[in-house]
Amino acid sequence: MTMPLWQALLTIGAVVLGTIVTRFLPFVLFPAGRQTPKFVQYLGQVLPFAALGFLVVYSLKDVTLLQYPFGIPTLLAVAVTAGLHLWRKNMLLSVAGGTILYVLLVNFIF
């Protein structure tokens, strides 16, 4: 069943409005001439690490250590990701390397 034209237009309008508001609201709340509030500066410092922590927890939450493959592909991919990051200090390289290794391990070895 397809949605009526008015509902499709209303949905598109809501998405466009939501996108515009989220893009321009920071410029309205924090103009270029004013000091950014300390709380917002603090959030800018801690939120990237918190988001990365959530991603790590989310990607490891379904690992089962008590049945085959005993989490081996995941642990190897995490080790390669950490090793690449310590070696090259390049987040894109480390995440891509760990992801590629995990996909290869899961699809062709385990």
N, C-alpha and C. Protein backbone atom coordinates (compact mmCIF):
# COMPACT_ATOMS: atom_id res chain seq x y z
N MET A 1 0.85 -1.18 0.00
CA MET A 1 0.00 0.00 0.00
C MET A 1 0.89 1.24 0.00
N THR A 2 0.61 2.16 -0.87
CA THR A 2 1.39 3.39 -0.95
C THR A 2 0.72 4.48 -0.14
N MET A 3 1.54 5.44 0.26
CA MET A 3 0.97 6.52 1.04
C MET A 3 0.40 7.59 0.10
N PRO A 4 -0.64 8.28 0.53
CA PRO A 4 -1.24 9.32 -0.31
C PRO A 4 -0.24 10.45 -0.57
N LEU A 5 -0.49 11.20 -1.64
CA LEU A 5 0.41 12.28 -2.04
C LEU A 5 0.59 13.30 -0.92
N TRP A 6 -0.49 13.68 -0.24
CA TRP A 6 -0.39 14.69 0.81
C TRP A 6 0.50 14.20 1.95
N GLN A 7 0.42 12.90 2.25
CA GLN A 7 1.23 12.34 3.34
C GLN A 7 2.70 12.27 2.93
N ALA A 8 2.96 11.94 1.68
CA ALA A 8 4.34 11.91 1.18
C ALA A 8 4.94 13.31 1.21
N LEU A 9 4.18 14.30 0.78
CA LEU A 9 4.68 15.69 0.79
C LEU A 9 4.90 16.18 2.22
N LEU A 10 4.01 15.81 3.12
CA LEU A 10 4.17 16.19 4.52
C LEU A 10 5.41 15.54 5.12
N THR A 11 5.66 14.28 4.78
CA THR A 11 6.84 13.57 5.27
C THR A 11 8.12 14.21 4.74
N ILE A 12 8.14 14.50 3.45
CA ILE A 12 9.31 15.15 2.86
C ILE A 12 9.53 16.52 3.49
N GLY A 13 8.46 17.26 3.69
CA GLY A 13 8.58 18.58 4.32
C GLY A 13 9.13 18.49 5.74
N ALA A 14 8.68 17.50 6.50
CA ALA A 14 9.17 17.33 7.88
C ALA A 14 10.65 16.98 7.88
N VAL A 15 11.07 16.12 6.96
CA VAL A 15 12.48 15.75 6.87
C VAL A 15 13.33 16.95 6.47
N VAL A 16 12.86 17.72 5.50
CA VAL A 16 13.60 18.92 5.07
C VAL A 16 13.69 19.92 6.21
N LEU A 17 12.59 20.16 6.90
CA LEU A 17 12.60 21.10 8.02
C LEU A 17 13.53 20.64 9.14
N GLY A 18 13.47 19.35 9.46
CA GLY A 18 14.36 18.82 10.50
C GLY A 18 15.82 18.96 10.11
N THR A 19 16.14 18.71 8.86
CA THR A 19 17.52 18.85 8.39
C THR A 19 17.98 20.29 8.45
N ILE A 20 17.15 21.20 7.99
CA ILE A 20 17.51 22.63 8.00
C ILE A 20 17.71 23.12 9.43
N VAL A 21 16.81 22.75 10.34
CA VAL A 21 16.92 23.20 11.72
C VAL A 21 18.21 22.68 12.37
N THR A 22 18.51 21.39 12.16
CA THR A 22 19.72 20.86 12.79
C THR A 22 20.99 21.42 12.17
N ARG A 23 20.95 21.85 10.93
CA ARG A 23 22.13 22.43 10.29
C ARG A 23 22.38 23.87 10.73
N PHE A 24 21.31 24.67 10.86
CA PHE A 24 21.48 26.09 11.12
C PHE A 24 21.33 26.50 12.57
N LEU A 25 20.74 25.65 13.41
CA LEU A 25 20.53 26.00 14.81
C LEU A 25 21.84 26.30 15.55
N PRO A 26 22.92 25.55 15.35
CA PRO A 26 24.16 25.91 16.05
C PRO A 26 24.67 27.31 15.69
N PHE A 27 24.49 27.74 14.46
CA PHE A 27 24.94 29.08 14.06
C PHE A 27 24.08 30.16 14.69
N VAL A 28 22.81 29.85 14.94
CA VAL A 28 21.92 30.82 15.58
C VAL A 28 22.22 30.87 17.09
N LEU A 29 22.42 29.72 17.71
CA LEU A 29 22.66 29.68 19.15
C LEU A 29 24.06 30.17 19.53
N PHE A 30 25.04 29.91 18.66
CA PHE A 30 26.43 30.27 18.96
C PHE A 30 27.01 31.10 17.83
N PRO A 31 26.67 32.40 17.76
CA PRO A 31 27.19 33.23 16.68
C PRO A 31 28.72 33.38 16.76
N ALA A 32 29.32 33.77 15.66
CA ALA A 32 30.78 33.81 15.54
C ALA A 32 31.43 34.79 16.51
N GLY A 33 30.79 35.86 16.88
CA GLY A 33 31.40 36.86 17.73
C GLY A 33 31.38 36.55 19.22
N ARG A 34 30.61 35.55 19.63
CA ARG A 34 30.46 35.26 21.05
C ARG A 34 31.28 34.06 21.46
N GLN A 35 31.65 34.02 22.73
CA GLN A 35 32.37 32.90 23.31
C GLN A 35 31.44 31.70 23.43
N THR A 36 31.91 30.53 23.02
CA THR A 36 31.13 29.30 23.16
C THR A 36 31.06 28.94 24.65
N PRO A 37 29.87 28.60 25.15
CA PRO A 37 29.76 28.25 26.58
C PRO A 37 30.69 27.11 26.96
N LYS A 38 31.17 27.15 28.20
CA LYS A 38 32.11 26.14 28.70
C LYS A 38 31.52 24.73 28.61
N PHE A 39 30.22 24.60 28.89
CA PHE A 39 29.58 23.31 28.85
C PHE A 39 29.62 22.71 27.44
N VAL A 40 29.40 23.54 26.44
CA VAL A 40 29.44 23.06 25.05
C VAL A 40 30.87 22.69 24.68
N GLN A 41 31.86 23.44 25.13
CA GLN A 41 33.25 23.10 24.88
C GLN A 41 33.60 21.76 25.54
N TYR A 42 33.10 21.56 26.76
CA TYR A 42 33.32 20.30 27.46
C TYR A 42 32.71 19.13 26.69
N LEU A 43 31.48 19.30 26.22
CA LEU A 43 30.84 18.25 25.44
C LEU A 43 31.62 17.95 24.17
N GLY A 44 32.17 18.97 23.55
CA GLY A 44 32.97 18.77 22.35
C GLY A 44 34.23 17.98 22.63
N GLN A 45 34.71 18.03 23.85
CA GLN A 45 35.91 17.27 24.21
C GLN A 45 35.60 15.83 24.59
N VAL A 46 34.50 15.59 25.28
CA VAL A 46 34.24 14.25 25.81
C VAL A 46 33.33 13.39 24.95
N LEU A 47 32.46 13.97 24.16
CA LEU A 47 31.51 13.17 23.39
C LEU A 47 32.15 12.28 22.34
N PRO A 48 33.21 12.70 21.64
CA PRO A 48 33.83 11.76 20.69
C PRO A 48 34.32 10.48 21.36
N PHE A 49 34.92 10.58 22.53
CA PHE A 49 35.39 9.39 23.25
C PHE A 49 34.22 8.55 23.74
N ALA A 50 33.16 9.21 24.19
CA ALA A 50 31.98 8.47 24.64
C ALA A 50 31.34 7.73 23.47
N ALA A 51 31.24 8.38 22.33
CA ALA A 51 30.66 7.72 21.15
C ALA A 51 31.51 6.54 20.72
N LEU A 52 32.82 6.68 20.76
CA LEU A 52 33.71 5.58 20.41
C LEU A 52 33.55 4.43 21.40
N GLY A 53 33.41 4.74 22.67
CA GLY A 53 33.18 3.71 23.67
C GLY A 53 31.89 2.95 23.43
N PHE A 54 30.82 3.68 23.09
CA PHE A 54 29.55 3.03 22.77
C PHE A 54 29.69 2.10 21.56
N LEU A 55 30.44 2.54 20.56
CA LEU A 55 30.64 1.71 19.37
C LEU A 55 31.40 0.42 19.71
N VAL A 56 32.39 0.53 20.57
CA VAL A 56 33.16 -0.66 20.97
C VAL A 56 32.25 -1.61 21.73
N VAL A 57 31.51 -1.10 22.69
CA VAL A 57 30.60 -1.95 23.47
C VAL A 57 29.56 -2.58 22.56
N TYR A 58 29.01 -1.81 21.64
CA TYR A 58 27.98 -2.33 20.73
C TYR A 58 28.54 -3.44 19.84
N SER A 59 29.76 -3.28 19.37
CA SER A 59 30.32 -4.29 18.48
C SER A 59 30.76 -5.55 19.22
N LEU A 60 30.99 -5.47 20.53
CA LEU A 60 31.42 -6.63 21.29
C LEU A 60 30.30 -7.29 22.09
N LYS A 61 29.11 -6.73 22.07
CA LYS A 61 28.03 -7.21 22.94
C LYS A 61 27.54 -8.61 22.60
N ASP A 62 27.64 -9.03 21.34
CA ASP A 62 27.11 -10.34 20.95
C ASP A 62 28.18 -11.41 20.81
N VAL A 63 29.39 -11.14 21.26
CA VAL A 63 30.46 -12.12 21.16
C VAL A 63 30.21 -13.21 22.19
N THR A 64 30.22 -14.46 21.72
CA THR A 64 30.04 -15.59 22.63
C THR A 64 31.37 -16.32 22.76
N LEU A 65 31.89 -16.34 23.95
CA LEU A 65 33.19 -16.96 24.20
C LEU A 65 33.08 -18.45 24.50
N LEU A 66 31.86 -18.96 24.69
CA LEU A 66 31.69 -20.35 25.10
C LEU A 66 31.26 -21.29 23.97
N GLN A 67 31.09 -20.77 22.76
CA GLN A 67 30.77 -21.64 21.63
C GLN A 67 31.50 -21.16 20.39
N TYR A 68 31.67 -22.09 19.45
CA TYR A 68 32.45 -21.82 18.25
C TYR A 68 31.93 -20.58 17.55
N PRO A 69 32.76 -19.68 17.12
CA PRO A 69 34.23 -19.67 17.04
C PRO A 69 34.90 -19.01 18.24
N PHE A 70 34.21 -18.99 19.36
CA PHE A 70 34.78 -18.53 20.64
C PHE A 70 35.27 -17.08 20.62
N GLY A 71 34.70 -16.28 19.76
CA GLY A 71 35.08 -14.87 19.69
C GLY A 71 36.41 -14.61 19.04
N ILE A 72 37.00 -15.63 18.44
CA ILE A 72 38.34 -15.48 17.86
C ILE A 72 38.37 -14.43 16.75
N PRO A 73 37.42 -14.43 15.78
CA PRO A 73 37.48 -13.40 14.74
C PRO A 73 37.38 -11.99 15.31
N THR A 74 36.50 -11.82 16.28
CA THR A 74 36.32 -10.50 16.88
C THR A 74 37.57 -10.08 17.64
N LEU A 75 38.12 -10.97 18.44
CA LEU A 75 39.32 -10.62 19.22
C LEU A 75 40.51 -10.33 18.31
N LEU A 76 40.66 -11.10 17.23
CA LEU A 76 41.74 -10.81 16.28
C LEU A 76 41.55 -9.46 15.60
N ALA A 77 40.31 -9.17 15.21
CA ALA A 77 40.03 -7.88 14.57
C ALA A 77 40.27 -6.72 15.53
N VAL A 78 39.89 -6.88 16.79
CA VAL A 78 40.13 -5.83 17.79
C VAL A 78 41.63 -5.64 17.98
N ALA A 79 42.38 -6.73 18.04
CA ALA A 79 43.83 -6.64 18.22
C ALA A 79 44.49 -5.96 17.03
N VAL A 80 44.06 -6.30 15.82
CA VAL A 80 44.63 -5.66 14.63
C VAL A 80 44.26 -4.18 14.59
N THR A 81 43.03 -3.86 14.94
CA THR A 81 42.61 -2.46 14.98
C THR A 81 43.46 -1.67 15.96
N ALA A 82 43.65 -2.19 17.16
CA ALA A 82 44.46 -1.50 18.17
C ALA A 82 45.92 -1.42 17.73
N GLY A 83 46.43 -2.51 17.17
CA GLY A 83 47.83 -2.51 16.72
C GLY A 83 48.07 -1.52 15.60
N LEU A 84 47.17 -1.49 14.62
CA LEU A 84 47.32 -0.53 13.54
C LEU A 84 47.25 0.90 14.05
N HIS A 85 46.36 1.13 15.01
CA HIS A 85 46.24 2.50 15.53
C HIS A 85 47.48 2.90 16.33
N LEU A 86 48.00 1.99 17.12
CA LEU A 86 49.22 2.31 17.87
C LEU A 86 50.41 2.51 16.93
N TRP A 87 50.43 1.76 15.85
CA TRP A 87 51.55 1.83 14.91
C TRP A 87 51.48 3.07 14.03
N ARG A 88 50.31 3.33 13.39
CA ARG A 88 50.21 4.40 12.40
C ARG A 88 49.49 5.66 12.90
N LYS A 89 48.79 5.57 14.03
CA LYS A 89 48.03 6.71 14.58
C LYS A 89 47.03 7.27 13.55
N ASN A 90 46.42 6.37 12.79
CA ASN A 90 45.47 6.77 11.75
C ASN A 90 44.18 6.00 11.99
N MET A 91 43.15 6.72 12.43
CA MET A 91 41.90 6.07 12.80
C MET A 91 41.24 5.40 11.61
N LEU A 92 41.24 6.04 10.45
CA LEU A 92 40.62 5.45 9.28
C LEU A 92 41.30 4.14 8.89
N LEU A 93 42.63 4.13 8.91
CA LEU A 93 43.37 2.92 8.57
C LEU A 93 43.10 1.81 9.58
N SER A 94 43.10 2.14 10.86
CA SER A 94 42.92 1.11 11.87
C SER A 94 41.51 0.53 11.84
N VAL A 95 40.50 1.36 11.70
CA VAL A 95 39.12 0.87 11.66
C VAL A 95 38.89 0.07 10.38
N ALA A 96 39.38 0.58 9.26
CA ALA A 96 39.21 -0.15 7.99
C ALA A 96 39.95 -1.48 8.03
N GLY A 97 41.17 -1.48 8.56
CA GLY A 97 41.94 -2.72 8.63
C GLY A 97 41.27 -3.77 9.51
N GLY A 98 40.79 -3.36 10.67
CA GLY A 98 40.10 -4.29 11.56
C GLY A 98 38.80 -4.80 10.97
N THR A 99 38.07 -3.92 10.31
CA THR A 99 36.80 -4.32 9.69
C THR A 99 37.03 -5.30 8.55
N ILE A 100 38.00 -5.00 7.70
CA ILE A 100 38.30 -5.88 6.57
C ILE A 100 38.76 -7.25 7.08
N LEU A 101 39.62 -7.25 8.08
CA LEU A 101 40.07 -8.53 8.64
C LEU A 101 38.90 -9.31 9.21
N TYR A 102 38.03 -8.67 9.95
CA TYR A 102 36.88 -9.35 10.54
C TYR A 102 35.98 -9.96 9.47
N VAL A 103 35.69 -9.19 8.43
CA VAL A 103 34.83 -9.69 7.36
C VAL A 103 35.48 -10.88 6.66
N LEU A 104 36.78 -10.80 6.41
CA LEU A 104 37.48 -11.92 5.77
C LEU A 104 37.48 -13.15 6.67
N LEU A 105 37.75 -12.97 7.95
CA LEU A 105 37.76 -14.10 8.88
C LEU A 105 36.40 -14.77 8.97
N VAL A 106 35.36 -13.99 9.11
CA VAL A 106 34.02 -14.55 9.28
C VAL A 106 33.53 -15.23 8.00
N ASN A 107 33.87 -14.67 6.85
CA ASN A 107 33.36 -15.23 5.60
C ASN A 107 34.19 -16.37 5.02
N PHE A 108 35.48 -16.39 5.30
CA PHE A 108 36.31 -17.38 4.63
C PHE A 108 37.02 -18.36 5.56
N ILE A 109 37.10 -18.07 6.84
CA ILE A 109 37.83 -18.97 7.73
C ILE A 109 36.91 -19.58 8.79
N PHE A 110 36.10 -18.78 9.45
CA PHE A 110 35.27 -19.30 10.55
C PHE A 110 33.86 -19.54 10.08
